Amino acid sequence: MPTVLITGANRGIGLALARHYSQYNYNVIGVCRQTNEALDACCSDVISDIDIQSDEAVKCLTDVLADHPIDLLISNAGILEDEQLNALDIASIERQFQVNALGPLRLVSTLQANLSAGSKIALITSRMGSIGDNTSGGRYGYRMSKAALNAAGKSMAHDLKASGVAVAILHPGLVSTAMINFNGQISPEHAAAQLAARIEALNLSNTGTFWHANGEALPW
């Protein structure tokens, strides 16, 4: 039975992904800060009290997982805050960098020993991290942190290719979650199914590329 580890798994897209993979006979490990009944019901294992901003917390995963192999690592945890040029909140920008960019990098670096040839990594990013697609400005912390995540994903793809590990950089779409006050265009379940299709299509020939979950290639 293959194993998938999902961060930010207690709600929204993360919970939908956990439910999706549980239906396809995956051993689902849900990682979150605080679990709930919905997550407990669909996961084989839940590892809570994990804040991906913390080196110590992420290192705890290696103690819990030991040498358990991970076939699919989905870095989904993220936050969205709002800053405008005339009202910058540097602390907010730094917080988004810690969660959205450094958190996934910290996670992958820490769990490298659990990955092997054929394993896959999916980074849930945003098209708001695309410089070429930025037509509206604003959202400095979110845009900058997601652009940094995209850059990290590209480097991961190069660094891990020789080990047989492929990396997907995926925009889920505008999804109705608490992050955007449920004002999205698609449900978490629909997003999860589309993301899973992109992950299924991931291989070493398309590793490190940036995709919309609907199958559209996105500009950097």
N, C-alpha and C. Protein backbone atom coordinates (compact mmCIF):
# COMPACT_ATOMS: atom_id res chain seq x y z
N MET A 1 0.85 -1.20 0.00
CA MET A 1 0.00 0.00 0.00
C MET A 1 0.88 1.25 0.00
N PRO A 2 0.73 2.13 -0.99
CA PRO A 2 1.56 3.34 -1.02
C PRO A 2 1.19 4.31 0.09
N THR A 3 2.15 5.13 0.47
CA THR A 3 1.95 6.10 1.55
C THR A 3 2.02 7.52 1.00
N VAL A 4 1.05 8.34 1.39
CA VAL A 4 1.05 9.77 1.09
C VAL A 4 1.06 10.54 2.40
N LEU A 5 1.92 11.53 2.49
CA LEU A 5 1.95 12.43 3.64
C LEU A 5 1.51 13.80 3.17
N ILE A 6 0.54 14.39 3.88
CA ILE A 6 -0.06 15.66 3.48
C ILE A 6 0.02 16.64 4.64
N THR A 7 0.59 17.82 4.41
CA THR A 7 0.60 18.85 5.45
C THR A 7 -0.63 19.74 5.27
N GLY A 8 -1.01 20.40 6.37
CA GLY A 8 -2.22 21.22 6.34
C GLY A 8 -3.44 20.38 6.02
N ALA A 9 -3.46 19.17 6.59
CA ALA A 9 -4.44 18.16 6.18
C ALA A 9 -5.77 18.25 6.92
N ASN A 10 -5.90 19.16 7.86
CA ASN A 10 -7.09 19.15 8.72
C ASN A 10 -8.27 19.92 8.15
N ARG A 11 -8.08 20.62 7.03
CA ARG A 11 -9.21 21.35 6.45
C ARG A 11 -8.93 21.68 4.98
N GLY A 12 -9.95 22.20 4.31
CA GLY A 12 -9.79 22.71 2.95
C GLY A 12 -9.23 21.69 1.97
N ILE A 13 -8.29 22.15 1.16
CA ILE A 13 -7.71 21.29 0.13
C ILE A 13 -6.98 20.11 0.75
N GLY A 14 -6.28 20.34 1.87
CA GLY A 14 -5.55 19.25 2.51
C GLY A 14 -6.46 18.12 2.95
N LEU A 15 -7.59 18.45 3.57
CA LEU A 15 -8.54 17.44 4.00
C LEU A 15 -9.15 16.73 2.79
N ALA A 16 -9.46 17.49 1.74
CA ALA A 16 -10.01 16.87 0.53
C ALA A 16 -9.02 15.91 -0.10
N LEU A 17 -7.74 16.27 -0.09
CA LEU A 17 -6.71 15.37 -0.61
C LEU A 17 -6.60 14.11 0.25
N ALA A 18 -6.68 14.28 1.57
CA ALA A 18 -6.62 13.12 2.46
C ALA A 18 -7.78 12.17 2.17
N ARG A 19 -8.96 12.72 1.99
CA ARG A 19 -10.12 11.89 1.69
C ARG A 19 -9.97 11.22 0.32
N HIS A 20 -9.46 11.96 -0.64
CA HIS A 20 -9.29 11.41 -1.99
C HIS A 20 -8.36 10.21 -1.96
N TYR A 21 -7.19 10.37 -1.36
CA TYR A 21 -6.21 9.27 -1.39
C TYR A 21 -6.63 8.10 -0.50
N SER A 22 -7.41 8.37 0.53
CA SER A 22 -7.89 7.25 1.36
C SER A 22 -8.83 6.36 0.55
N GLN A 23 -9.56 6.96 -0.40
CA GLN A 23 -10.47 6.19 -1.24
C GLN A 23 -9.72 5.33 -2.26
N TYR A 24 -8.46 5.68 -2.50
CA TYR A 24 -7.66 4.93 -3.46
C TYR A 24 -6.62 4.04 -2.76
N ASN A 25 -6.96 3.65 -1.54
CA ASN A 25 -6.18 2.67 -0.79
C ASN A 25 -4.75 3.09 -0.52
N TYR A 26 -4.56 4.38 -0.25
CA TYR A 26 -3.28 4.87 0.22
C TYR A 26 -3.24 4.82 1.74
N ASN A 27 -2.07 4.62 2.26
CA ASN A 27 -1.83 4.86 3.68
C ASN A 27 -1.65 6.36 3.82
N VAL A 28 -2.64 7.05 4.38
CA VAL A 28 -2.65 8.51 4.44
C VAL A 28 -2.16 9.00 5.80
N ILE A 29 -1.08 9.78 5.77
CA ILE A 29 -0.56 10.39 6.99
C ILE A 29 -0.90 11.88 6.94
N GLY A 30 -1.78 12.31 7.81
CA GLY A 30 -2.19 13.71 7.85
C GLY A 30 -1.36 14.47 8.87
N VAL A 31 -0.73 15.53 8.42
CA VAL A 31 0.10 16.37 9.30
C VAL A 31 -0.59 17.71 9.47
N CYS A 32 -0.69 18.18 10.70
CA CYS A 32 -1.41 19.41 10.95
C CYS A 32 -1.01 19.99 12.31
N ARG A 33 -1.47 21.20 12.57
CA ARG A 33 -1.26 21.78 13.90
C ARG A 33 -2.27 21.23 14.89
N GLN A 34 -3.52 21.06 14.44
CA GLN A 34 -4.56 20.54 15.33
C GLN A 34 -5.50 19.66 14.52
N THR A 35 -5.69 18.43 14.96
CA THR A 35 -6.52 17.50 14.22
C THR A 35 -8.00 17.72 14.55
N ASN A 36 -8.85 16.97 13.85
CA ASN A 36 -10.29 17.03 14.09
C ASN A 36 -10.89 15.68 13.68
N GLU A 37 -12.18 15.52 13.92
CA GLU A 37 -12.82 14.24 13.64
C GLU A 37 -12.79 13.90 12.16
N ALA A 38 -12.94 14.90 11.31
CA ALA A 38 -12.96 14.64 9.86
C ALA A 38 -11.63 14.08 9.40
N LEU A 39 -10.55 14.63 9.90
CA LEU A 39 -9.23 14.14 9.51
C LEU A 39 -8.96 12.76 10.10
N ASP A 40 -9.29 12.60 11.37
CA ASP A 40 -9.08 11.31 12.03
C ASP A 40 -9.82 10.18 11.29
N ALA A 41 -10.97 10.52 10.71
CA ALA A 41 -11.81 9.50 10.07
C ALA A 41 -11.23 9.00 8.76
N CYS A 42 -10.39 9.80 8.09
CA CYS A 42 -9.93 9.39 6.76
C CYS A 42 -8.44 9.07 6.68
N CYS A 43 -7.74 9.22 7.79
CA CYS A 43 -6.30 8.99 7.78
C CYS A 43 -5.92 7.69 8.47
N SER A 44 -4.87 7.08 7.97
CA SER A 44 -4.30 5.94 8.67
C SER A 44 -3.59 6.41 9.93
N ASP A 45 -2.91 7.55 9.81
CA ASP A 45 -2.21 8.14 10.94
C ASP A 45 -2.34 9.65 10.87
N VAL A 46 -2.42 10.29 12.02
CA VAL A 46 -2.43 11.74 12.10
C VAL A 46 -1.27 12.17 13.00
N ILE A 47 -0.49 13.11 12.52
CA ILE A 47 0.60 13.68 13.33
C ILE A 47 0.25 15.15 13.54
N SER A 48 -0.17 15.48 14.74
CA SER A 48 -0.61 16.84 15.04
C SER A 48 0.47 17.59 15.80
N ASP A 49 0.17 18.84 16.12
CA ASP A 49 1.11 19.73 16.81
C ASP A 49 2.36 20.00 15.98
N ILE A 50 2.21 19.96 14.66
CA ILE A 50 3.34 20.23 13.76
C ILE A 50 3.12 21.59 13.10
N ASP A 51 3.96 22.53 13.44
CA ASP A 51 3.97 23.85 12.82
C ASP A 51 5.17 23.90 11.89
N ILE A 52 4.93 23.99 10.59
CA ILE A 52 6.04 23.90 9.64
C ILE A 52 6.94 25.14 9.66
N GLN A 53 6.59 26.14 10.48
CA GLN A 53 7.51 27.26 10.69
C GLN A 53 8.65 26.90 11.64
N SER A 54 8.50 25.77 12.33
CA SER A 54 9.43 25.41 13.39
C SER A 54 10.36 24.28 12.96
N ASP A 55 11.67 24.52 13.04
CA ASP A 55 12.63 23.46 12.76
C ASP A 55 12.41 22.27 13.68
N GLU A 56 12.20 22.56 14.96
CA GLU A 56 12.05 21.50 15.95
C GLU A 56 10.81 20.65 15.67
N ALA A 57 9.70 21.32 15.32
CA ALA A 57 8.46 20.58 15.06
C ALA A 57 8.60 19.68 13.85
N VAL A 58 9.19 20.21 12.78
CA VAL A 58 9.35 19.40 11.56
C VAL A 58 10.31 18.25 11.81
N LYS A 59 11.36 18.47 12.60
CA LYS A 59 12.29 17.38 12.92
C LYS A 59 11.61 16.28 13.70
N CYS A 60 10.53 16.62 14.43
CA CYS A 60 9.78 15.59 15.15
C CYS A 60 9.19 14.55 14.19
N LEU A 61 8.94 14.97 12.95
CA LEU A 61 8.39 14.02 11.98
C LEU A 61 9.34 12.86 11.73
N THR A 62 10.64 13.14 11.74
CA THR A 62 11.59 12.06 11.51
C THR A 62 11.57 11.06 12.67
N ASP A 63 11.31 11.53 13.88
CA ASP A 63 11.22 10.62 15.02
C ASP A 63 9.99 9.74 14.91
N VAL A 64 8.87 10.32 14.46
CA VAL A 64 7.62 9.56 14.36
C VAL A 64 7.66 8.60 13.18
N LEU A 65 8.18 9.09 12.06
CA LEU A 65 8.17 8.28 10.84
C LEU A 65 9.32 7.29 10.77
N ALA A 66 10.41 7.60 11.47
CA ALA A 66 11.62 6.75 11.42
C ALA A 66 12.01 6.52 9.96
N ASP A 67 12.09 5.26 9.54
CA ASP A 67 12.49 4.98 8.17
C ASP A 67 11.29 4.58 7.29
N HIS A 68 10.09 5.02 7.68
CA HIS A 68 8.88 4.71 6.92
C HIS A 68 8.98 5.36 5.53
N PRO A 69 8.86 4.59 4.46
CA PRO A 69 8.96 5.18 3.12
C PRO A 69 7.74 6.05 2.79
N ILE A 70 7.97 7.14 2.08
CA ILE A 70 6.91 8.03 1.61
C ILE A 70 6.91 7.99 0.09
N ASP A 71 5.79 7.58 -0.48
CA ASP A 71 5.67 7.52 -1.93
C ASP A 71 5.26 8.87 -2.51
N LEU A 72 4.46 9.61 -1.76
CA LEU A 72 4.00 10.92 -2.22
C LEU A 72 3.99 11.88 -1.03
N LEU A 73 4.70 12.98 -1.18
CA LEU A 73 4.78 14.02 -0.15
C LEU A 73 4.09 15.26 -0.70
N ILE A 74 2.98 15.64 -0.10
CA ILE A 74 2.22 16.81 -0.55
C ILE A 74 2.37 17.92 0.47
N SER A 75 3.06 18.98 0.07
CA SER A 75 3.23 20.15 0.93
C SER A 75 2.10 21.12 0.60
N ASN A 76 1.10 21.14 1.46
CA ASN A 76 -0.12 21.90 1.20
C ASN A 76 -0.33 23.06 2.16
N ALA A 77 0.23 22.99 3.36
CA ALA A 77 -0.02 24.02 4.37
C ALA A 77 0.41 25.39 3.86
N GLY A 78 -0.44 26.39 4.06
CA GLY A 78 -0.12 27.74 3.62
C GLY A 78 -1.04 28.75 4.27
N ILE A 79 -0.65 30.01 4.22
CA ILE A 79 -1.48 31.09 4.75
C ILE A 79 -1.52 32.23 3.73
N LEU A 80 -2.59 33.00 3.80
CA LEU A 80 -2.79 34.15 2.93
C LEU A 80 -3.14 35.36 3.78
N GLU A 81 -2.33 36.40 3.66
CA GLU A 81 -2.62 37.67 4.33
C GLU A 81 -2.55 38.77 3.28
N ASP A 82 -2.87 39.99 3.67
CA ASP A 82 -2.99 41.06 2.68
C ASP A 82 -2.19 42.28 3.08
N GLU A 83 -1.33 42.73 2.19
CA GLU A 83 -0.57 43.96 2.40
C GLU A 83 -0.60 44.77 1.11
N GLN A 84 -0.69 46.06 1.25
CA GLN A 84 -0.63 46.96 0.11
C GLN A 84 0.62 47.82 0.24
N LEU A 85 1.05 48.39 -0.86
CA LEU A 85 2.29 49.15 -0.89
C LEU A 85 2.27 50.32 0.09
N ASN A 86 1.11 50.92 0.27
CA ASN A 86 1.01 52.06 1.17
C ASN A 86 0.66 51.66 2.60
N ALA A 87 0.62 50.36 2.86
CA ALA A 87 0.31 49.88 4.21
C ALA A 87 1.01 48.54 4.45
N LEU A 88 2.33 48.54 4.32
CA LEU A 88 3.07 47.30 4.46
C LEU A 88 3.11 46.83 5.91
N ASP A 89 2.97 45.53 6.08
CA ASP A 89 3.13 44.89 7.39
C ASP A 89 4.25 43.87 7.22
N ILE A 90 5.45 44.27 7.57
CA ILE A 90 6.62 43.42 7.33
C ILE A 90 6.52 42.11 8.11
N ALA A 91 5.96 42.17 9.31
CA ALA A 91 5.80 40.94 10.10
C ALA A 91 4.89 39.96 9.38
N SER A 92 3.86 40.47 8.74
CA SER A 92 2.95 39.61 7.99
C SER A 92 3.67 38.97 6.80
N ILE A 93 4.46 39.75 6.11
CA ILE A 93 5.22 39.22 4.96
C ILE A 93 6.19 38.14 5.42
N GLU A 94 6.89 38.41 6.52
CA GLU A 94 7.84 37.42 7.04
C GLU A 94 7.12 36.15 7.47
N ARG A 95 5.94 36.28 8.06
CA ARG A 95 5.17 35.10 8.49
C ARG A 95 4.78 34.25 7.28
N GLN A 96 4.36 34.89 6.20
CA GLN A 96 3.99 34.14 5.00
C GLN A 96 5.20 33.46 4.37
N PHE A 97 6.36 34.12 4.41
CA PHE A 97 7.56 33.46 3.92
C PHE A 97 7.87 32.22 4.74
N GLN A 98 7.75 32.30 6.05
CA GLN A 98 8.04 31.16 6.91
C GLN A 98 7.14 29.98 6.59
N VAL A 99 5.85 30.23 6.42
CA VAL A 99 4.89 29.14 6.19
C VAL A 99 4.91 28.68 4.74
N ASN A 100 4.81 29.63 3.81
CA ASN A 100 4.58 29.29 2.41
C ASN A 100 5.83 28.88 1.64
N ALA A 101 6.98 29.43 2.02
CA ALA A 101 8.21 29.14 1.27
C ALA A 101 9.20 28.31 2.07
N LEU A 102 9.56 28.78 3.26
CA LEU A 102 10.55 28.05 4.05
C LEU A 102 9.98 26.77 4.64
N GLY A 103 8.69 26.76 4.96
CA GLY A 103 8.07 25.55 5.52
C GLY A 103 8.19 24.35 4.59
N PRO A 104 7.77 24.46 3.33
CA PRO A 104 7.93 23.33 2.41
C PRO A 104 9.38 22.94 2.18
N LEU A 105 10.27 23.92 2.11
CA LEU A 105 11.69 23.62 1.94
C LEU A 105 12.22 22.85 3.14
N ARG A 106 11.85 23.30 4.32
CA ARG A 106 12.24 22.63 5.56
C ARG A 106 11.71 21.20 5.58
N LEU A 107 10.46 21.02 5.16
CA LEU A 107 9.82 19.71 5.16
C LEU A 107 10.53 18.73 4.24
N VAL A 108 10.77 19.14 3.01
CA VAL A 108 11.41 18.25 2.04
C VAL A 108 12.84 17.92 2.46
N SER A 109 13.57 18.92 2.92
CA SER A 109 14.94 18.68 3.36
C SER A 109 14.98 17.68 4.51
N THR A 110 14.04 17.81 5.44
CA THR A 110 14.02 16.95 6.62
C THR A 110 13.64 15.51 6.28
N LEU A 111 12.74 15.34 5.30
CA LEU A 111 12.21 14.00 5.00
C LEU A 111 12.85 13.34 3.79
N GLN A 112 13.99 13.86 3.34
CA GLN A 112 14.64 13.28 2.17
C GLN A 112 14.92 11.79 2.32
N ALA A 113 15.29 11.37 3.52
CA ALA A 113 15.65 9.97 3.74
C ALA A 113 14.44 9.04 3.59
N ASN A 114 13.24 9.60 3.68
CA ASN A 114 12.03 8.79 3.54
C ASN A 114 11.60 8.64 2.08
N LEU A 115 12.26 9.37 1.19
CA LEU A 115 11.95 9.32 -0.24
C LEU A 115 12.93 8.41 -0.95
N SER A 116 12.48 7.81 -2.03
CA SER A 116 13.36 6.93 -2.82
C SER A 116 12.95 7.03 -4.28
N ALA A 117 13.66 6.34 -5.13
CA ALA A 117 13.35 6.37 -6.56
C ALA A 117 11.88 6.02 -6.79
N GLY A 118 11.20 6.88 -7.53
CA GLY A 118 9.78 6.69 -7.78
C GLY A 118 8.89 7.52 -6.88
N SER A 119 9.44 8.06 -5.79
CA SER A 119 8.65 8.94 -4.93
C SER A 119 8.36 10.24 -5.66
N LYS A 120 7.29 10.90 -5.23
CA LYS A 120 6.90 12.17 -5.83
C LYS A 120 6.67 13.21 -4.74
N ILE A 121 6.94 14.47 -5.08
CA ILE A 121 6.67 15.61 -4.21
C ILE A 121 5.72 16.54 -4.95
N ALA A 122 4.67 16.97 -4.28
CA ALA A 122 3.75 17.95 -4.86
C ALA A 122 3.74 19.18 -3.96
N LEU A 123 4.13 20.32 -4.52
CA LEU A 123 4.10 21.59 -3.79
C LEU A 123 2.84 22.33 -4.22
N ILE A 124 1.94 22.58 -3.26
CA ILE A 124 0.72 23.32 -3.58
C ILE A 124 1.04 24.80 -3.46
N THR A 125 1.14 25.44 -4.60
CA THR A 125 1.54 26.83 -4.66
C THR A 125 0.35 27.66 -5.14
N SER A 126 0.61 28.72 -5.89
CA SER A 126 -0.46 29.57 -6.42
C SER A 126 0.04 30.27 -7.67
N ARG A 127 -0.87 30.52 -8.60
CA ARG A 127 -0.50 31.30 -9.77
C ARG A 127 -0.20 32.75 -9.37
N MET A 128 -0.57 33.12 -8.14
CA MET A 128 -0.20 34.45 -7.65
C MET A 128 1.31 34.55 -7.41
N GLY A 129 2.00 33.44 -7.44
CA GLY A 129 3.45 33.45 -7.38
C GLY A 129 4.10 33.61 -8.74
N SER A 130 3.27 33.68 -9.79
CA SER A 130 3.79 33.87 -11.14
C SER A 130 4.04 35.35 -11.39
N ILE A 131 5.25 35.70 -11.79
CA ILE A 131 5.57 37.08 -12.16
C ILE A 131 4.92 37.43 -13.50
N GLY A 132 4.96 36.50 -14.44
CA GLY A 132 4.37 36.73 -15.75
C GLY A 132 2.87 36.88 -15.72
N ASP A 133 2.21 36.32 -14.71
CA ASP A 133 0.76 36.33 -14.64
C ASP A 133 0.23 37.44 -13.72
N ASN A 134 1.11 38.23 -13.16
CA ASN A 134 0.69 39.28 -12.21
C ASN A 134 0.16 40.48 -12.96
N THR A 135 -1.16 40.65 -12.94
CA THR A 135 -1.79 41.77 -13.65
C THR A 135 -2.50 42.73 -12.70
N SER A 136 -2.39 42.48 -11.39
CA SER A 136 -3.16 43.32 -10.46
C SER A 136 -2.37 43.85 -9.28
N GLY A 137 -1.15 43.38 -9.06
CA GLY A 137 -0.33 43.89 -7.96
C GLY A 137 -0.83 43.48 -6.59
N GLY A 138 -0.33 44.17 -5.55
CA GLY A 138 -0.76 43.90 -4.18
C GLY A 138 -0.36 42.54 -3.65
N ARG A 139 -0.91 42.19 -2.49
CA ARG A 139 -0.67 40.88 -1.86
C ARG A 139 0.82 40.55 -1.84
N TYR A 140 1.63 41.47 -1.31
CA TYR A 140 3.08 41.34 -1.40
C TYR A 140 3.60 40.07 -0.72
N GLY A 141 3.17 39.80 0.49
CA GLY A 141 3.67 38.63 1.20
C GLY A 141 3.31 37.33 0.52
N TYR A 142 2.07 37.22 0.07
CA TYR A 142 1.62 35.98 -0.55
C TYR A 142 2.30 35.78 -1.91
N ARG A 143 2.29 36.83 -2.73
CA ARG A 143 2.92 36.71 -4.05
C ARG A 143 4.41 36.37 -3.92
N MET A 144 5.11 37.11 -3.07
CA MET A 144 6.55 36.89 -2.93
C MET A 144 6.87 35.52 -2.36
N SER A 145 6.09 35.08 -1.37
CA SER A 145 6.37 33.78 -0.75
C SER A 145 6.08 32.63 -1.70
N LYS A 146 5.04 32.77 -2.52
CA LYS A 146 4.73 31.71 -3.48
C LYS A 146 5.73 31.70 -4.65
N ALA A 147 6.20 32.88 -5.05
CA ALA A 147 7.25 32.92 -6.06
C ALA A 147 8.52 32.24 -5.54
N ALA A 148 8.82 32.48 -4.26
CA ALA A 148 9.98 31.82 -3.64
C ALA A 148 9.77 30.31 -3.58
N LEU A 149 8.56 29.86 -3.27
CA LEU A 149 8.27 28.43 -3.26
C LEU A 149 8.46 27.83 -4.64
N ASN A 150 8.00 28.54 -5.67
CA ASN A 150 8.18 28.05 -7.04
C ASN A 150 9.66 27.89 -7.38
N ALA A 151 10.46 28.88 -6.98
CA ALA A 151 11.91 28.80 -7.22
C ALA A 151 12.52 27.62 -6.47
N ALA A 152 12.08 27.41 -5.24
CA ALA A 152 12.58 26.28 -4.45
C ALA A 152 12.20 24.96 -5.11
N GLY A 153 10.97 24.88 -5.61
CA GLY A 153 10.52 23.66 -6.26
C GLY A 153 11.34 23.33 -7.49
N LYS A 154 11.71 24.35 -8.25
CA LYS A 154 12.54 24.13 -9.44
C LYS A 154 13.91 23.59 -9.04
N SER A 155 14.49 24.16 -7.98
CA SER A 155 15.78 23.66 -7.50
C SER A 155 15.68 22.24 -6.96
N MET A 156 14.60 21.96 -6.22
CA MET A 156 14.39 20.60 -5.72
C MET A 156 14.35 19.60 -6.87
N ALA A 157 13.65 19.98 -7.93
CA ALA A 157 13.52 19.08 -9.07
C ALA A 157 14.89 18.72 -9.64
N HIS A 158 15.77 19.71 -9.75
CA HIS A 158 17.13 19.43 -10.23
C HIS A 158 17.91 18.57 -9.24
N ASP A 159 17.81 18.93 -7.95
CA ASP A 159 18.62 18.25 -6.94
C ASP A 159 18.19 16.80 -6.70
N LEU A 160 16.90 16.52 -6.90
CA LEU A 160 16.38 15.19 -6.58
C LEU A 160 16.23 14.27 -7.80
N LYS A 161 16.44 14.82 -8.98
CA LYS A 161 16.22 14.03 -10.19
C LYS A 161 17.12 12.80 -10.24
N ALA A 162 18.38 12.96 -9.85
CA ALA A 162 19.30 11.82 -9.89
C ALA A 162 18.87 10.71 -8.94
N SER A 163 18.09 11.07 -7.91
CA SER A 163 17.59 10.07 -6.96
C SER A 163 16.28 9.45 -7.42
N GLY A 164 15.76 9.91 -8.57
CA GLY A 164 14.52 9.35 -9.10
C GLY A 164 13.27 9.93 -8.48
N VAL A 165 13.39 11.11 -7.86
CA VAL A 165 12.25 11.76 -7.20
C VAL A 165 11.81 12.95 -8.04
N ALA A 166 10.53 12.98 -8.42
CA ALA A 166 9.98 14.05 -9.25
C ALA A 166 9.21 15.05 -8.40
N VAL A 167 9.19 16.31 -8.86
CA VAL A 167 8.58 17.41 -8.12
C VAL A 167 7.55 18.12 -8.99
N ALA A 168 6.33 18.25 -8.48
CA ALA A 168 5.28 19.01 -9.16
C ALA A 168 5.06 20.33 -8.43
N ILE A 169 4.88 21.40 -9.20
CA ILE A 169 4.59 22.73 -8.66
C ILE A 169 3.20 23.07 -9.15
N LEU A 170 2.20 23.06 -8.25
CA LEU A 170 0.80 23.01 -8.67
C LEU A 170 -0.05 24.13 -8.06
N HIS A 171 -0.78 24.82 -8.93
CA HIS A 171 -1.80 25.78 -8.53
C HIS A 171 -3.14 25.06 -8.50
N PRO A 172 -3.87 25.08 -7.38
CA PRO A 172 -5.09 24.28 -7.28
C PRO A 172 -6.32 24.91 -7.92
N GLY A 173 -6.23 26.18 -8.33
CA GLY A 173 -7.41 26.90 -8.77
C GLY A 173 -7.92 27.79 -7.65
N LEU A 174 -8.99 28.52 -7.92
CA LEU A 174 -9.60 29.38 -6.91
C LEU A 174 -10.61 28.53 -6.14
N VAL A 175 -10.18 28.03 -5.00
CA VAL A 175 -10.92 27.00 -4.28
C VAL A 175 -11.68 27.60 -3.10
N SER A 176 -12.90 27.17 -2.91
CA SER A 176 -13.75 27.67 -1.82
C SER A 176 -13.29 27.09 -0.49
N THR A 177 -12.38 27.80 0.16
CA THR A 177 -11.89 27.40 1.48
C THR A 177 -11.97 28.59 2.43
N ALA A 178 -11.70 28.33 3.70
CA ALA A 178 -11.71 29.40 4.69
C ALA A 178 -10.67 30.47 4.39
N MET A 179 -9.58 30.10 3.70
CA MET A 179 -8.52 31.05 3.40
C MET A 179 -9.04 32.26 2.62
N ILE A 180 -10.04 32.03 1.74
CA ILE A 180 -10.60 33.13 0.96
C ILE A 180 -12.09 33.31 1.26
N ASN A 181 -12.46 32.98 2.52
CA ASN A 181 -13.85 33.16 2.98
C ASN A 181 -14.85 32.41 2.11
N PHE A 182 -14.42 31.28 1.57
CA PHE A 182 -15.27 30.39 0.78
C PHE A 182 -15.81 31.05 -0.49
N ASN A 183 -15.10 32.06 -0.99
CA ASN A 183 -15.51 32.76 -2.21
C ASN A 183 -14.76 32.24 -3.43
N GLY A 184 -14.71 30.94 -3.58
CA GLY A 184 -13.98 30.35 -4.69
C GLY A 184 -14.87 29.95 -5.84
N GLN A 185 -14.25 29.37 -6.84
CA GLN A 185 -14.96 28.93 -8.04
C GLN A 185 -15.18 27.42 -8.07
N ILE A 186 -14.37 26.67 -7.32
CA ILE A 186 -14.50 25.21 -7.30
C ILE A 186 -14.42 24.71 -5.87
N SER A 187 -14.92 23.52 -5.65
CA SER A 187 -14.91 22.93 -4.31
C SER A 187 -13.54 22.31 -4.01
N PRO A 188 -13.21 22.13 -2.74
CA PRO A 188 -11.97 21.43 -2.40
C PRO A 188 -11.91 20.04 -2.99
N GLU A 189 -13.03 19.36 -3.06
CA GLU A 189 -13.06 18.00 -3.61
C GLU A 189 -12.71 18.00 -5.09
N HIS A 190 -13.24 18.97 -5.83
CA HIS A 190 -12.92 19.08 -7.26
C HIS A 190 -11.45 19.42 -7.44
N ALA A 191 -10.96 20.34 -6.62
CA ALA A 191 -9.53 20.70 -6.70
C ALA A 191 -8.66 19.49 -6.39
N ALA A 192 -9.02 18.72 -5.38
CA ALA A 192 -8.23 17.54 -5.00
C ALA A 192 -8.16 16.53 -6.14
N ALA A 193 -9.28 16.31 -6.81
CA ALA A 193 -9.30 15.35 -7.92
C ALA A 193 -8.41 15.83 -9.06
N GLN A 194 -8.44 17.13 -9.35
CA GLN A 194 -7.60 17.67 -10.42
C GLN A 194 -6.12 17.63 -10.04
N LEU A 195 -5.83 17.98 -8.80
CA LEU A 195 -4.43 17.92 -8.35
C LEU A 195 -3.91 16.50 -8.43
N ALA A 196 -4.73 15.54 -8.01
CA ALA A 196 -4.31 14.13 -8.06
C ALA A 196 -4.01 13.69 -9.49
N ALA A 197 -4.79 14.21 -10.45
CA ALA A 197 -4.54 13.87 -11.85
C ALA A 197 -3.20 14.42 -12.33
N ARG A 198 -2.86 15.63 -11.90
CA ARG A 198 -1.57 16.21 -12.27
C ARG A 198 -0.43 15.43 -11.61
N ILE A 199 -0.63 15.01 -10.38
CA ILE A 199 0.39 14.24 -9.68
C ILE A 199 0.58 12.88 -10.35
N GLU A 200 -0.50 12.28 -10.78
CA GLU A 200 -0.42 11.00 -11.48
C GLU A 200 0.40 11.13 -12.76
N ALA A 201 0.27 12.30 -13.42
CA ALA A 201 0.99 12.53 -14.68
C ALA A 201 2.43 12.98 -14.47
N LEU A 202 2.82 13.21 -13.23
CA LEU A 202 4.18 13.68 -12.92
C LEU A 202 5.19 12.56 -13.15
N ASN A 203 6.31 12.91 -13.78
CA ASN A 203 7.41 11.97 -13.96
C ASN A 203 8.71 12.76 -14.06
N LEU A 204 9.80 12.07 -14.30
CA LEU A 204 11.10 12.73 -14.33
C LEU A 204 11.31 13.59 -15.58
N SER A 205 10.45 13.42 -16.58
CA SER A 205 10.59 14.25 -17.78
C SER A 205 9.89 15.59 -17.62
N ASN A 206 8.88 15.68 -16.75
CA ASN A 206 8.21 16.97 -16.54
C ASN A 206 8.41 17.50 -15.13
N THR A 207 9.35 16.94 -14.39
CA THR A 207 9.62 17.39 -13.04
C THR A 207 10.04 18.87 -13.04
N GLY A 208 9.60 19.59 -12.01
CA GLY A 208 10.00 20.98 -11.86
C GLY A 208 9.23 21.95 -12.73
N THR A 209 8.10 21.53 -13.29
CA THR A 209 7.29 22.42 -14.10
C THR A 209 6.08 22.91 -13.31
N PHE A 210 5.50 24.01 -13.75
CA PHE A 210 4.48 24.77 -13.01
C PHE A 210 3.15 24.62 -13.73
N TRP A 211 2.17 24.02 -13.03
CA TRP A 211 0.90 23.68 -13.67
C TRP A 211 -0.30 24.16 -12.86
N HIS A 212 -1.34 24.56 -13.57
CA HIS A 212 -2.67 24.70 -13.00
C HIS A 212 -3.22 23.29 -12.84
N ALA A 213 -4.01 23.07 -11.81
CA ALA A 213 -4.57 21.74 -11.60
C ALA A 213 -5.44 21.28 -12.76
N ASN A 214 -5.97 22.21 -13.55
CA ASN A 214 -6.82 21.84 -14.69
C ASN A 214 -6.02 21.37 -15.90
N GLY A 215 -4.68 21.35 -15.79
CA GLY A 215 -3.85 20.86 -16.87
C GLY A 215 -3.18 21.94 -17.70
N GLU A 216 -3.42 23.21 -17.36
CA GLU A 216 -2.81 24.33 -18.07
C GLU A 216 -1.40 24.62 -17.53
N ALA A 217 -0.42 24.69 -18.42
CA ALA A 217 0.92 25.09 -18.01
C ALA A 217 0.91 26.57 -17.68
N LEU A 218 1.56 26.95 -16.58
CA LEU A 218 1.53 28.33 -16.12
C LEU A 218 2.88 29.00 -16.34
N PRO A 219 2.87 30.31 -16.61
CA PRO A 219 4.13 31.05 -16.77
C PRO A 219 4.81 31.30 -15.44
N TRP A 220 6.13 31.39 -15.46
CA TRP A 220 6.85 31.72 -14.23
C TRP A 220 6.67 33.19 -13.89
